[in-house]
Structures are given as C-alpha cells and as structure tokens.
C-alpha cells in the first residue's frame, strides 16, 4: 500500500501565483528524488453546509483560501528515504526569499493508505 504526506494551509489569495511557482519547483525536486505523485490544489468549492469545512477548520482570515496538497510514496520507508534526499538537495538549502503563507498555520501529517482502488 502507498503512503501519503498530506498538507492543508491557509494562503492569501493575492499570493496564489507566487505559491504556485514555489510549489512547482518543490514538486519537481520531490519527483526527481522518487515521489510517485505530487499534488497542490487551491480551494474552489469550500462553502459546504452541514460539515466542518477546511476554511473553518484551519481558521482562514479574510482574503485567504485553502491549499490542500499531498505527496505519494511506495511506503513510509520510501517516504523517509525520499524526504532525506530532498532535504539534502542543494536546491532546498536556500529557502525562498518570500514565503507566501504562514508556515506556523500549516497542518501536516503522514498517512498509511487505508483503501487504494
């Protein structure tokens, strides 16, 4: 079964393009080092009644949207190897000069696949 790292973060709508540029670069690095899949998605249909929505759960502020992202690996051990290689990659040594979101408000976790159809 595959393993997934998942992320949810608030993003100011005015910084979507800047975030996309950073995410594209990061995605290429993760894929080069063995990640099976890399997705970064920006909220579109987030006003659903009767459930706890991502905007409420992550407490978005006025002018923000939500990014929902995941990276897929063969296993947790594979994830650990890929992430070690990514963190050792010289392109990751220098953080971007501008971070388009507040990393302290990002949610992250590693997930064992329960169903894979």
PDB file of N, CA and C in Angstrom:
ATOM      1  N   UNK A   1       0.833  -1.199   0.000  1.00  0.00           N
ATOM      2  CA  UNK A   1       0.000   0.000   0.000  1.00  0.00           C
ATOM      3  C   UNK A   1       0.874   1.258   0.000  1.00  0.00           C
ATOM      4  N   UNK A   2       0.405   2.289  -0.632  1.00  0.00           N
ATOM      5  CA  UNK A   2       1.144   3.544  -0.703  1.00  0.00           C
ATOM      6  C   UNK A   2       1.060   4.295   0.629  1.00  0.00           C
ATOM      7  N   UNK A   3       1.908   5.300   0.725  1.00  0.00           N
ATOM      8  CA  UNK A   3       1.959   6.172   1.898  1.00  0.00           C
ATOM      9  C   UNK A   3       1.821   7.599   1.391  1.00  0.00           C
ATOM     10  N   UNK A   4       1.134   8.453   2.151  1.00  0.00           N
ATOM     11  CA  UNK A   4       0.852   9.811   1.699  1.00  0.00           C
ATOM     12  C   UNK A   4       1.232  10.814   2.781  1.00  0.00           C
ATOM     13  N   UNK A   5       1.945  11.853   2.400  1.00  0.00           N
ATOM     14  CA  UNK A   5       2.123  13.024   3.251  1.00  0.00           C
ATOM     15  C   UNK A   5       1.070  14.022   2.820  1.00  0.00           C
ATOM     16  N   UNK A   6       0.273  14.523   3.770  1.00  0.00           N
ATOM     17  CA  UNK A   6      -0.790  15.461   3.452  1.00  0.00           C
ATOM     18  C   UNK A   6      -0.569  16.799   4.122  1.00  0.00           C
ATOM     19  N   UNK A   7      -1.002  17.842   3.453  1.00  0.00           N
ATOM     20  CA  UNK A   7      -0.832  19.213   3.924  1.00  0.00           C
ATOM     21  C   UNK A   7      -2.116  20.001   3.704  1.00  0.00           C
ATOM     22  N   UNK A   8      -2.446  20.863   4.638  1.00  0.00           N
ATOM     23  CA  UNK A   8      -3.518  21.840   4.465  1.00  0.00           C
ATOM     24  C   UNK A   8      -2.976  23.154   5.016  1.00  0.00           C
ATOM     25  N   UNK A   9      -3.112  24.223   4.242  1.00  0.00           N
ATOM     26  CA  UNK A   9      -2.600  25.512   4.719  1.00  0.00           C
ATOM     27  C   UNK A   9      -3.436  26.656   4.194  1.00  0.00           C
ATOM     28  N   UNK A  10      -3.501  27.734   4.975  1.00  0.00           N
ATOM     29  CA  UNK A  10      -4.186  28.928   4.500  1.00  0.00           C
ATOM     30  C   UNK A  10      -3.242  29.733   3.614  1.00  0.00           C
ATOM     31  N   UNK A  11      -3.787  30.287   2.552  1.00  0.00           N
ATOM     32  CA  UNK A  11      -2.972  31.044   1.607  1.00  0.00           C
ATOM     33  C   UNK A  11      -3.705  32.326   1.216  1.00  0.00           C
ATOM     34  N   UNK A  12      -3.062  33.476   1.397  1.00  0.00           N
ATOM     35  CA  UNK A  12      -3.683  34.705   0.899  1.00  0.00           C
ATOM     36  C   UNK A  12      -3.925  34.583  -0.611  1.00  0.00           C
ATOM     37  N   UNK A  13      -5.136  34.916  -1.024  1.00  0.00           N
ATOM     38  CA  UNK A  13      -5.486  34.783  -2.449  1.00  0.00           C
ATOM     39  C   UNK A  13      -4.540  35.574  -3.341  1.00  0.00           C
ATOM     40  N   UNK A  14      -4.036  36.699  -2.847  1.00  0.00           N
ATOM     41  CA  UNK A  14      -3.131  37.524  -3.648  1.00  0.00           C
ATOM     42  C   UNK A  14      -1.780  36.845  -3.880  1.00  0.00           C
ATOM     43  N   UNK A  15      -1.490  35.755  -3.141  1.00  0.00           N
ATOM     44  CA  UNK A  15      -0.202  35.070  -3.272  1.00  0.00           C
ATOM     45  C   UNK A  15      -0.300  33.708  -3.964  1.00  0.00           C
ATOM     46  N   UNK A  16      -1.433  33.422  -4.593  1.00  0.00           N
ATOM     47  CA  UNK A  16      -1.608  32.120  -5.253  1.00  0.00           C
ATOM     48  C   UNK A  16      -0.544  31.905  -6.330  1.00  0.00           C
ATOM     49  N   UNK A  17      -0.273  32.899  -7.153  1.00  0.00           N
ATOM     50  CA  UNK A  17       0.719  32.725  -8.228  1.00  0.00           C
ATOM     51  C   UNK A  17       2.123  32.507  -7.664  1.00  0.00           C
ATOM     52  N   UNK A  18       2.492  33.253  -6.631  1.00  0.00           N
ATOM     53  CA  UNK A  18       3.804  33.069  -6.009  1.00  0.00           C
ATOM     54  C   UNK A  18       3.912  31.672  -5.405  1.00  0.00           C
ATOM     55  N   UNK A  19       2.837  31.212  -4.757  1.00  0.00           N
ATOM     56  CA  UNK A  19       2.834  29.878  -4.170  1.00  0.00           C
ATOM     57  C   UNK A  19       2.966  28.814  -5.265  1.00  0.00           C
ATOM     58  N   UNK A  20       2.257  28.999  -6.368  1.00  0.00           N
ATOM     59  CA  UNK A  20       2.318  28.047  -7.482  1.00  0.00           C
ATOM     60  C   UNK A  20       3.754  27.901  -7.987  1.00  0.00           C
ATOM     61  N   UNK A  21       4.470  29.010  -8.119  1.00  0.00           N
ATOM     62  CA  UNK A  21       5.857  28.948  -8.601  1.00  0.00           C
ATOM     63  C   UNK A  21       6.732  28.132  -7.648  1.00  0.00           C
ATOM     64  N   UNK A  22       6.597  28.378  -6.354  1.00  0.00           N
ATOM     65  CA  UNK A  22       7.379  27.643  -5.357  1.00  0.00           C
ATOM     66  C   UNK A  22       6.984  26.167  -5.355  1.00  0.00           C
ATOM     67  N   UNK A  23       5.677  25.893  -5.425  1.00  0.00           N
ATOM     68  CA  UNK A  23       5.190  24.505  -5.393  1.00  0.00           C
ATOM     69  C   UNK A  23       5.661  23.723  -6.622  1.00  0.00           C
ATOM     70  N   UNK A  24       5.683  24.352  -7.779  1.00  0.00           N
ATOM     71  CA  UNK A  24       6.183  23.672  -8.986  1.00  0.00           C
ATOM     72  C   UNK A  24       7.636  23.258  -8.823  1.00  0.00           C
ATOM     73  N   UNK A  25       8.454  24.167  -8.298  1.00  0.00           N
ATOM     74  CA  UNK A  25       9.863  23.843  -8.079  1.00  0.00           C
ATOM     75  C   UNK A  25       9.997  22.707  -7.071  1.00  0.00           C
ATOM     76  N   UNK A  26       9.270  22.803  -5.973  1.00  0.00           N
ATOM     77  CA  UNK A  26       9.334  21.763  -4.934  1.00  0.00           C
ATOM     78  C   UNK A  26       8.862  20.424  -5.498  1.00  0.00           C
ATOM     79  N   UNK A  27       7.769  20.443  -6.239  1.00  0.00           N
ATOM     80  CA  UNK A  27       7.231  19.215  -6.815  1.00  0.00           C
ATOM     81  C   UNK A  27       8.224  18.519  -7.727  1.00  0.00           C
ATOM     82  N   UNK A  28       8.930  19.289  -8.532  1.00  0.00           N
ATOM     83  CA  UNK A  28       9.942  18.701  -9.420  1.00  0.00           C
ATOM     84  C   UNK A  28      11.043  18.033  -8.609  1.00  0.00           C
ATOM     85  N   UNK A  29      11.451  18.663  -7.524  1.00  0.00           N
ATOM     86  CA  UNK A  29      12.512  18.090  -6.684  1.00  0.00           C
ATOM     87  C   UNK A  29      12.023  16.793  -6.050  1.00  0.00           C
ATOM     88  N   UNK A  30      10.814  16.806  -5.478  1.00  0.00           N
ATOM     89  CA  UNK A  30      10.289  15.579  -4.860  1.00  0.00           C
ATOM     90  C   UNK A  30      10.180  14.447  -5.881  1.00  0.00           C
ATOM     91  N   UNK A  31       9.685  14.757  -7.068  1.00  0.00           N
ATOM     92  CA  UNK A  31       9.540  13.728  -8.101  1.00  0.00           C
ATOM     93  C   UNK A  31      10.909  13.206  -8.553  1.00  0.00           C
ATOM     94  N   UNK A  32      11.882  14.095  -8.707  1.00  0.00           N
ATOM     95  CA  UNK A  32      13.230  13.671  -9.091  1.00  0.00           C
ATOM     96  C   UNK A  32      13.817  12.703  -8.074  1.00  0.00           C
ATOM     97  N   UNK A  33      13.449  12.866  -6.814  1.00  0.00           N
ATOM     98  CA  UNK A  33      14.014  12.027  -5.757  1.00  0.00           C
ATOM     99  C   UNK A  33      13.148  10.811  -5.443  1.00  0.00           C
ATOM    100  N   UNK A  34      12.085  10.586  -6.241  1.00  0.00           N
ATOM    101  CA  UNK A  34      11.361   9.334  -6.138  1.00  0.00           C
ATOM    102  C   UNK A  34       9.909   9.380  -5.714  1.00  0.00           C
ATOM    103  N   UNK A  35       9.376  10.551  -5.369  1.00  0.00           N
ATOM    104  CA  UNK A  35       7.949  10.610  -5.031  1.00  0.00           C
ATOM    105  C   UNK A  35       7.130  10.122  -6.218  1.00  0.00           C
ATOM    106  N   UNK A  36       6.089   9.366  -5.944  1.00  0.00           N
ATOM    107  CA  UNK A  36       5.247   8.827  -7.009  1.00  0.00           C
ATOM    108  C   UNK A  36       4.302   9.872  -7.585  1.00  0.00           C
ATOM    109  N   UNK A  37       3.816  10.763  -6.736  1.00  0.00           N
ATOM    110  CA  UNK A  37       2.843  11.760  -7.155  1.00  0.00           C
ATOM    111  C   UNK A  37       2.987  12.981  -6.259  1.00  0.00           C
ATOM    112  N   UNK A  38       2.727  14.150  -6.813  1.00  0.00           N
ATOM    113  CA  UNK A  38       2.833  15.403  -6.065  1.00  0.00           C
ATOM    114  C   UNK A  38       1.694  16.295  -6.534  1.00  0.00           C
ATOM    115  N   UNK A  39       0.803  16.651  -5.631  1.00  0.00           N
ATOM    116  CA  UNK A  39      -0.353  17.490  -5.986  1.00  0.00           C
ATOM    117  C   UNK A  39      -0.455  18.654  -5.025  1.00  0.00           C
ATOM    118  N   UNK A  40      -0.743  19.823  -5.550  1.00  0.00           N
ATOM    119  CA  UNK A  40      -1.036  21.029  -4.770  1.00  0.00           C
ATOM    120  C   UNK A  40      -2.318  21.604  -5.358  1.00  0.00           C
ATOM    121  N   UNK A  41      -3.356  21.709  -4.543  1.00  0.00           N
ATOM    122  CA  UNK A  41      -4.667  22.134  -5.018  1.00  0.00           C
ATOM    123  C   UNK A  41      -5.130  23.360  -4.226  1.00  0.00           C
ATOM    124  N   UNK A  42      -5.747  24.302  -4.914  1.00  0.00           N
ATOM    125  CA  UNK A  42      -6.246  25.506  -4.251  1.00  0.00           C
ATOM    126  C   UNK A  42      -7.765  25.420  -4.147  1.00  0.00           C
ATOM    127  N   UNK A  43      -8.304  25.869  -3.011  1.00  0.00           N
ATOM    128  CA  UNK A  43      -9.734  25.768  -2.746  1.00  0.00           C
ATOM    129  C   UNK A  43     -10.585  26.463  -3.788  1.00  0.00           C
ATOM    130  N   UNK A  44     -11.691  25.825  -4.115  1.00  0.00           N
ATOM    131  CA  UNK A  44     -12.647  26.387  -5.060  1.00  0.00           C
ATOM    132  C   UNK A  44     -14.073  26.272  -4.523  1.00  0.00           C
ATOM    133  N   UNK A  45     -14.481  25.099  -4.114  1.00  0.00           N
ATOM    134  CA  UNK A  45     -15.840  24.848  -3.621  1.00  0.00           C
ATOM    135  C   UNK A  45     -15.741  24.558  -2.125  1.00  0.00           C
ATOM    136  N   UNK A  46     -15.682  25.611  -1.323  1.00  0.00           N
ATOM    137  CA  UNK A  46     -15.382  25.452   0.093  1.00  0.00           C
ATOM    138  C   UNK A  46     -16.530  25.841   1.022  1.00  0.00           C
ATOM    139  N   UNK A  47     -17.660  26.235   0.483  1.00  0.00           N
ATOM    140  CA  UNK A  47     -18.794  26.669   1.312  1.00  0.00           C
ATOM    141  C   UNK A  47     -19.852  25.566   1.351  1.00  0.00           C
ATOM    142  N   UNK A  48     -19.536  24.478   2.038  1.00  0.00           N
ATOM    143  CA  UNK A  48     -20.439  23.337   2.106  1.00  0.00           C
ATOM    144  C   UNK A  48     -21.156  23.358   3.448  1.00  0.00           C
ATOM    145  N   UNK A  49     -22.457  23.264   3.413  1.00  0.00           N
ATOM    146  CA  UNK A  49     -23.243  23.308   4.649  1.00  0.00           C
ATOM    147  C   UNK A  49     -23.295  21.926   5.304  1.00  0.00           C
ATOM    148  N   UNK A  50     -23.321  21.917   6.630  1.00  0.00           N
ATOM    149  CA  UNK A  50     -23.519  20.685   7.370  1.00  0.00           C
ATOM    150  C   UNK A  50     -22.265  19.921   7.740  1.00  0.00           C
ATOM    151  N   UNK A  51     -21.088  20.430   7.351  1.00  0.00           N
ATOM    152  CA  UNK A  51     -19.824  19.773   7.700  1.00  0.00           C
ATOM    153  C   UNK A  51     -18.821  20.837   8.145  1.00  0.00           C
ATOM    154  N   UNK A  52     -17.772  20.406   8.813  1.00  0.00           N
ATOM    155  CA  UNK A  52     -16.685  21.317   9.152  1.00  0.00           C
ATOM    156  C   UNK A  52     -15.839  21.490   7.899  1.00  0.00           C
ATOM    157  N   UNK A  53     -15.873  22.663   7.323  1.00  0.00           N
ATOM    158  CA  UNK A  53     -15.143  22.926   6.083  1.00  0.00           C
ATOM    159  C   UNK A  53     -13.668  23.225   6.378  1.00  0.00           C
ATOM    160  N   UNK A  54     -12.851  23.080   5.372  1.00  0.00           N
ATOM    161  CA  UNK A  54     -11.435  23.409   5.525  1.00  0.00           C
ATOM    162  C   UNK A  54     -11.235  24.854   5.994  1.00  0.00           C
ATOM    163  N   UNK A  55     -11.923  25.847   5.407  1.00  0.00           N
ATOM    164  CA  UNK A  55     -11.714  27.220   5.881  1.00  0.00           C
ATOM    165  C   UNK A  55     -12.014  27.392   7.376  1.00  0.00           C
ATOM    166  N   UNK A  56     -13.068  26.747   7.854  1.00  0.00           N
ATOM    167  CA  UNK A  56     -13.370  26.856   9.285  1.00  0.00           C
ATOM    168  C   UNK A  56     -12.360  26.084  10.112  1.00  0.00           C
ATOM    169  N   UNK A  57     -11.990  24.909   9.660  1.00  0.00           N
ATOM    170  CA  UNK A  57     -11.061  24.077  10.405  1.00  0.00           C
ATOM    171  C   UNK A  57      -9.680  24.700  10.550  1.00  0.00           C
ATOM    172  N   UNK A  58      -9.231  25.381   9.513  1.00  0.00           N
ATOM    173  CA  UNK A  58      -7.902  25.992   9.551  1.00  0.00           C
ATOM    174  C   UNK A  58      -7.979  27.482   9.886  1.00  0.00           C
ATOM    175  N   UNK A  59      -9.198  27.963  10.091  1.00  0.00           N
ATOM    176  CA  UNK A  59      -9.443  29.350  10.513  1.00  0.00           C
ATOM    177  C   UNK A  59      -8.852  30.372   9.549  1.00  0.00           C
ATOM    178  N   UNK A  60      -9.300  30.293   8.288  1.00  0.00           N
ATOM    179  CA  UNK A  60      -8.808  31.258   7.302  1.00  0.00           C
ATOM    180  C   UNK A  60      -9.282  32.658   7.677  1.00  0.00           C
ATOM    181  N   UNK A  61      -8.467  33.607   7.303  1.00  0.00           N
ATOM    182  CA  UNK A  61      -8.773  35.017   7.530  1.00  0.00           C
ATOM    183  C   UNK A  61      -9.352  35.591   6.246  1.00  0.00           C
ATOM    184  N   UNK A  62      -9.902  36.787   6.341  1.00  0.00           N
ATOM    185  CA  UNK A  62     -10.438  37.463   5.157  1.00  0.00           C
ATOM    186  C   UNK A  62      -9.344  37.556   4.094  1.00  0.00           C
ATOM    187  N   UNK A  63      -9.694  37.235   2.862  1.00  0.00           N
ATOM    188  CA  UNK A  63      -8.743  37.308   1.758  1.00  0.00           C
ATOM    189  C   UNK A  63      -7.883  36.071   1.592  1.00  0.00           C
ATOM    190  N   UNK A  64      -8.154  35.026   2.380  1.00  0.00           N
ATOM    191  CA  UNK A  64      -7.374  33.792   2.263  1.00  0.00           C
ATOM    192  C   UNK A  64      -8.219  32.682   1.648  1.00  0.00           C
ATOM    193  N   UNK A  65      -7.539  31.695   1.101  1.00  0.00           N
ATOM    194  CA  UNK A  65      -8.150  30.466   0.634  1.00  0.00           C
ATOM    195  C   UNK A  65      -7.373  29.306   1.257  1.00  0.00           C
ATOM    196  N   UNK A  66      -7.661  28.102   0.832  1.00  0.00           N
ATOM    197  CA  UNK A  66      -7.026  26.921   1.401  1.00  0.00           C
ATOM    198  C   UNK A  66      -6.277  26.161   0.314  1.00  0.00           C
ATOM    199  N   UNK A  67      -5.081  25.690   0.649  1.00  0.00           N
ATOM    200  CA  UNK A  67      -4.336  24.779  -0.206  1.00  0.00           C
ATOM    201  C   UNK A  67      -4.413  23.395   0.436  1.00  0.00           C
ATOM    202  N   UNK A  68      -4.763  22.417  -0.368  1.00  0.00           N
ATOM    203  CA  UNK A  68      -4.823  21.016   0.043  1.00  0.00           C
ATOM    204  C   UNK A  68      -3.820  20.292  -0.844  1.00  0.00           C
ATOM    205  N   UNK A  69      -2.837  19.641  -0.240  1.00  0.00           N
ATOM    206  CA  UNK A  69      -1.752  19.057  -1.027  1.00  0.00           C
ATOM    207  C   UNK A  69      -1.367  17.695  -0.479  1.00  0.00           C
ATOM    208  N   UNK A  70      -0.781  16.868  -1.373  1.00  0.00           N
ATOM    209  CA  UNK A  70      -0.293  15.571  -0.928  1.00  0.00           C
ATOM    210  C   UNK A  70       0.827  15.091  -1.831  1.00  0.00           C
ATOM    211  N   UNK A  71       1.681  14.260  -1.226  1.00  0.00           N
ATOM    212  CA  UNK A  71       2.778  13.608  -1.932  1.00  0.00           C
ATOM    213  C   UNK A  71       2.624  12.119  -1.661  1.00  0.00           C
ATOM    214  N   UNK A  72       2.712  11.314  -2.710  1.00  0.00           N
ATOM    215  CA  UNK A  72       2.509   9.875  -2.577  1.00  0.00           C
ATOM    216  C   UNK A  72       3.838   9.133  -2.735  1.00  0.00           C
ATOM    217  N   UNK A  73       3.993   8.096  -1.911  1.00  0.00           N
ATOM    218  CA  UNK A  73       5.202   7.272  -1.889  1.00  0.00           C
ATOM    219  C   UNK A  73       4.804   5.796  -1.910  1.00  0.00           C
ATOM    220  N   UNK A  74       5.784   4.917  -2.147  1.00  0.00           N
ATOM    221  CA  UNK A  74       5.522   3.474  -2.126  1.00  0.00           C
ATOM    222  C   UNK A  74       5.207   2.976  -0.717  1.00  0.00           C
ATOM    223  N   UNK A  75       5.857   3.564   0.288  1.00  0.00           N
ATOM    224  CA  UNK A  75       5.708   3.129   1.681  1.00  0.00           C
ATOM    225  C   UNK A  75       6.239   4.243   2.581  1.00  0.00           C
ATOM    226  N   UNK A  76       6.052   4.047   3.884  1.00  0.00           N
ATOM    227  CA  UNK A  76       6.609   5.026   4.818  1.00  0.00           C
ATOM    228  C   UNK A  76       8.137   5.037   4.739  1.00  0.00           C
ATOM    229  N   UNK A  77       8.750   3.866   4.625  1.00  0.00           N
ATOM    230  CA  UNK A  77      10.209   3.797   4.494  1.00  0.00           C
ATOM    231  C   UNK A  77      10.672   4.528   3.232  1.00  0.00           C
ATOM    232  N   UNK A  78       9.924   4.359   2.136  1.00  0.00           N
ATOM    233  CA  UNK A  78      10.244   5.071   0.893  1.00  0.00           C
ATOM    234  C   UNK A  78      10.112   6.570   1.101  1.00  0.00           C
ATOM    235  N   UNK A  79       9.052   7.007   1.792  1.00  0.00           N
ATOM    236  CA  UNK A  79       8.864   8.432   2.108  1.00  0.00           C
ATOM    237  C   UNK A  79      10.072   8.963   2.867  1.00  0.00           C
ATOM    238  N   UNK A  80      10.523   8.216   3.871  1.00  0.00           N
ATOM    239  CA  UNK A  80      11.646   8.674   4.676  1.00  0.00           C
ATOM    240  C   UNK A  80      12.913   8.825   3.826  1.00  0.00           C
ATOM    241  N   UNK A  81      13.145   7.891   2.907  1.00  0.00           N
ATOM    242  CA  UNK A  81      14.317   7.964   2.022  1.00  0.00           C
ATOM    243  C   UNK A  81      14.207   9.150   1.063  1.00  0.00           C
ATOM    244  N   UNK A  82      13.036   9.304   0.449  1.00  0.00           N
ATOM    245  CA  UNK A  82      12.834  10.416  -0.486  1.00  0.00           C
ATOM    246  C   UNK A  82      13.015  11.744   0.238  1.00  0.00           C
ATOM    247  N   UNK A  83      12.386  11.905   1.399  1.00  0.00           N
ATOM    248  CA  UNK A  83      12.482  13.174   2.120  1.00  0.00           C
ATOM    249  C   UNK A  83      13.913  13.463   2.562  1.00  0.00           C
ATOM    250  N   UNK A  84      14.670  12.438   2.926  1.00  0.00           N
ATOM    251  CA  UNK A  84      16.076  12.647   3.293  1.00  0.00           C
ATOM    252  C   UNK A  84      16.860  13.169   2.090  1.00  0.00           C
ATOM    253  N   UNK A  85      16.597  12.587   0.911  1.00  0.00           N
ATOM    254  CA  UNK A  85      17.284  13.054  -0.305  1.00  0.00           C
ATOM    255  C   UNK A  85      16.857  14.474  -0.665  1.00  0.00           C
ATOM    256  N   UNK A  86      15.572  14.766  -0.521  1.00  0.00           N
ATOM    257  CA  UNK A  86      15.073  16.115  -0.819  1.00  0.00           C
ATOM    258  C   UNK A  86      15.736  17.136   0.103  1.00  0.00           C
ATOM    259  N   UNK A  87      15.785  16.844   1.392  1.00  0.00           N
ATOM    260  CA  UNK A  87      16.365  17.789   2.344  1.00  0.00           C
ATOM    261  C   UNK A  87      17.868  17.975   2.127  1.00  0.00           C
ATOM    262  N   UNK A  88      18.542  16.984   1.544  1.00  0.00           N
ATOM    263  CA  UNK A  88      19.972  17.092   1.245  1.00  0.00           C
ATOM    264  C   UNK A  88      20.230  17.758  -0.105  1.00  0.00           C
ATOM    265  N   UNK A  89      19.197  17.951  -0.906  1.00  0.00           N
ATOM    266  CA  UNK A  89      19.342  18.552  -2.232  1.00  0.00           C
ATOM    267  C   UNK A  89      19.752  20.022  -2.076  1.00  0.00           C
ATOM    268  N   UNK A  90      20.807  20.447  -2.764  1.00  0.00           N
ATOM    269  CA  UNK A  90      21.268  21.840  -2.630  1.00  0.00           C
ATOM    270  C   UNK A  90      20.199  22.874  -3.002  1.00  0.00           C
ATOM    271  N   UNK A  91      19.263  22.500  -3.861  1.00  0.00           N
ATOM    272  CA  UNK A  91      18.205  23.451  -4.233  1.00  0.00           C
ATOM    273  C   UNK A  91      17.268  23.743  -3.067  1.00  0.00           C
ATOM    274  N   UNK A  92      17.276  22.866  -2.053  1.00  0.00           N
ATOM    275  CA  UNK A  92      16.422  23.075  -0.882  1.00  0.00           C
ATOM    276  C   UNK A  92      17.163  23.806   0.237  1.00  0.00           C
ATOM    277  N   UNK A  93      18.473  23.995   0.082  1.00  0.00           N
ATOM    278  CA  UNK A  93      19.284  24.599   1.142  1.00  0.00           C
ATOM    279  C   UNK A  93      18.910  26.059   1.386  1.00  0.00           C
ATOM    280  N   UNK A  94      18.562  26.747   0.322  1.00  0.00           N
ATOM    281  CA  UNK A  94      18.227  28.168   0.452  1.00  0.00           C
ATOM    282  C   UNK A  94      16.707  28.318   0.362  1.00  0.00           C
ATOM    283  N   UNK A  95      16.076  28.729   1.457  1.00  0.00           N
ATOM    284  CA  UNK A  95      14.624  28.920   1.402  1.00  0.00           C
ATOM    285  C   UNK A  95      14.273  30.080   0.474  1.00  0.00           C
ATOM    286  N   UNK A  96      13.045  30.082  -0.060  1.00  0.00           N
ATOM    287  CA  UNK A  96      12.653  31.199  -0.917  1.00  0.00           C
ATOM    288  C   UNK A  96      12.765  32.520  -0.153  1.00  0.00           C
ATOM    289  N   UNK A  97      13.060  33.577  -0.860  1.00  0.00           N
ATOM    290  CA  UNK A  97      13.195  34.886  -0.210  1.00  0.00           C
ATOM    291  C   UNK A  97      11.852  35.374   0.336  1.00  0.00           C
ATOM    292  N   UNK A  98      10.772  34.834  -0.204  1.00  0.00           N
ATOM    293  CA  UNK A  98       9.435  35.245   0.226  1.00  0.00           C
ATOM    294  C   UNK A  98       8.586  33.997   0.422  1.00  0.00           C
ATOM    295  N   UNK A  99       8.011  33.852   1.591  1.00  0.00           N
ATOM    296  CA  UNK A  99       7.097  32.733   1.839  1.00  0.00           C
ATOM    297  C   UNK A  99       5.671  33.273   1.718  1.00  0.00           C
ATOM    298  N   UNK A 100       4.890  32.773   0.761  1.00  0.00           N
ATOM    299  CA  UNK A 100       3.569  33.337   0.506  1.00  0.00           C
ATOM    300  C   UNK A 100       2.488  32.945   1.517  1.00  0.00           C
ATOM    301  N   UNK A 101       2.831  32.139   2.528  1.00  0.00           N
ATOM    302  CA  UNK A 101       1.852  31.744   3.533  1.00  0.00           C
ATOM    303  C   UNK A 101       2.543  31.674   4.891  1.00  0.00           C
ATOM    304  N   UNK A 102       1.762  31.548   5.947  1.00  0.00           N
ATOM    305  CA  UNK A 102       2.291  31.449   7.306  1.00  0.00           C
ATOM    306  C   UNK A 102       2.523  29.977   7.637  1.00  0.00           C
ATOM    307  N   UNK A 103       3.782  29.507   7.627  1.00  0.00           N
ATOM    308  CA  UNK A 103       4.041  28.078   7.859  1.00  0.00           C
ATOM    309  C   UNK A 103       3.603  27.595   9.240  1.00  0.00           C
ATOM    310  N   UNK A 104       3.456  28.487  10.190  1.00  0.00           N
ATOM    311  CA  UNK A 104       3.012  28.092  11.532  1.00  0.00           C
ATOM    312  C   UNK A 104       1.555  27.658  11.537  1.00  0.00           C
ATOM    313  N   UNK A 105       0.815  28.020  10.489  1.00  0.00           N
ATOM    314  CA  UNK A 105      -0.605  27.661  10.405  1.00  0.00           C
ATOM    315  C   UNK A 105      -0.838  26.469   9.483  1.00  0.00           C
ATOM    316  N   UNK A 106       0.227  25.898   8.937  1.00  0.00           N
ATOM    317  CA  UNK A 106       0.106  24.740   8.060  1.00  0.00           C
ATOM    318  C   UNK A 106      -0.145  23.487   8.900  1.00  0.00           C
ATOM    319  N   UNK A 107      -1.026  22.617   8.411  1.00  0.00           N
ATOM    320  CA  UNK A 107      -1.251  21.322   9.044  1.00  0.00           C
ATOM    321  C   UNK A 107      -0.585  20.267   8.168  1.00  0.00           C
ATOM    322  N   UNK A 108       0.025  19.258   8.809  1.00  0.00           N
ATOM    323  CA  UNK A 108       0.772  18.238   8.085  1.00  0.00           C
ATOM    324  C   UNK A 108       0.635  16.906   8.794  1.00  0.00           C
ATOM    325  N   UNK A 109       0.663  15.837   8.024  1.00  0.00           N
ATOM    326  CA  UNK A 109       0.692  14.504   8.619  1.00  0.00           C
ATOM    327  C   UNK A 109       1.041  13.463   7.578  1.00  0.00           C
ATOM    328  N   UNK A 110       1.560  12.326   8.064  1.00  0.00           N
ATOM    329  CA  UNK A 110       1.849  11.178   7.215  1.00  0.00           C
ATOM    330  C   UNK A 110       0.746  10.142   7.395  1.00  0.00           C
ATOM    331  N   UNK A 111       0.284   9.557   6.297  1.00  0.00           N
ATOM    332  CA  UNK A 111      -0.890   8.681   6.325  1.00  0.00           C
ATOM    333  C   UNK A 111      -0.627   7.359   5.625  1.00  0.00           C
ATOM    334  N   UNK A 112      -0.954   6.286   6.314  1.00  0.00           N
ATOM    335  CA  UNK A 112      -0.928   4.952   5.727  1.00  0.00           C
ATOM    336  C   UNK A 112      -2.220   4.811   4.914  1.00  0.00           C
ATOM    337  N   UNK A 113      -2.114   4.296   3.711  1.00  0.00           N
ATOM    338  CA  UNK A 113      -3.294   4.132   2.852  1.00  0.00           C
ATOM    339  C   UNK A 113      -4.217   3.069   3.433  1.00  0.00           C
ATOM    340  N   UNK A 114      -5.483   3.406   3.525  1.00  0.00           N
ATOM    341  CA  UNK A 114      -6.493   2.500   4.052  1.00  0.00           C
ATOM    342  C   UNK A 114      -7.221   1.776   2.919  1.00  0.00           C
ATOM    343  N   UNK A 115      -7.529   2.513   1.859  1.00  0.00           N
ATOM    344  CA  UNK A 115      -8.208   1.945   0.675  1.00  0.00           C
ATOM    345  C   UNK A 115      -7.475   2.478  -0.553  1.00  0.00           C
ATOM    346  N   UNK A 116      -7.169   1.614  -1.490  1.00  0.00           N
ATOM    347  CA  UNK A 116      -6.480   2.005  -2.721  1.00  0.00           C
ATOM    348  C   UNK A 116      -7.144   1.240  -3.862  1.00  0.00           C
ATOM    349  N   UNK A 117      -8.057   1.876  -4.589  1.00  0.00           N
ATOM    350  CA  UNK A 117      -8.809   1.203  -5.649  1.00  0.00           C
ATOM    351  C   UNK A 117      -8.241   1.505  -7.027  1.00  0.00           C
TER     352      UNK A 117
END
